[in-house]
Amino acid sequence: MTTIKNFFNKYKYYLILHLVILQGSFGGIASKTAAGHPMFSRNWFLFYGILLINLFLYAAFWQQIIKKFSLTTAFLNKSVIIIWAALWGFLLFKEPITLNMIAGGVIVIIGAVMVVIENE
């Protein structure tokens, strides 16, 4: 139990950072959903409203979490949003995941892990 607690204490801000990035990726879902509706329709306004609220919340959370990291570390980890976008596209919009997308995702994850290891 102590090992799990130590691990969480050591990496909790990275976990929070990635939860903020995940929350930010929801804006892409709202945006793409809104684009599927006629402009200025009720659903178009609904999903763009959700997008604006999401962007506001993301900006507020992002400003708080970057206090815990250097800008380089925060922005390098932010590249993980590419993986979330591919996942949401596949799950919600039936978009294919290509080999190039997988290779790019692996590179992004390796880069994020290297930044975390370097900052220890």
Foldseek 3Di string as FASTA:
>chain_A
DVVVVVVCVLCVLVVLLVVLLLLLLVLVVLVVQLVVDPPPDPSVVVSVVVSVVSVVVSVVSLVVSCVVDPPVLSVLLSVLSLVVNVVCCCPPVVDDQDPVSVVVNVVSVVSNVVSSVVVD
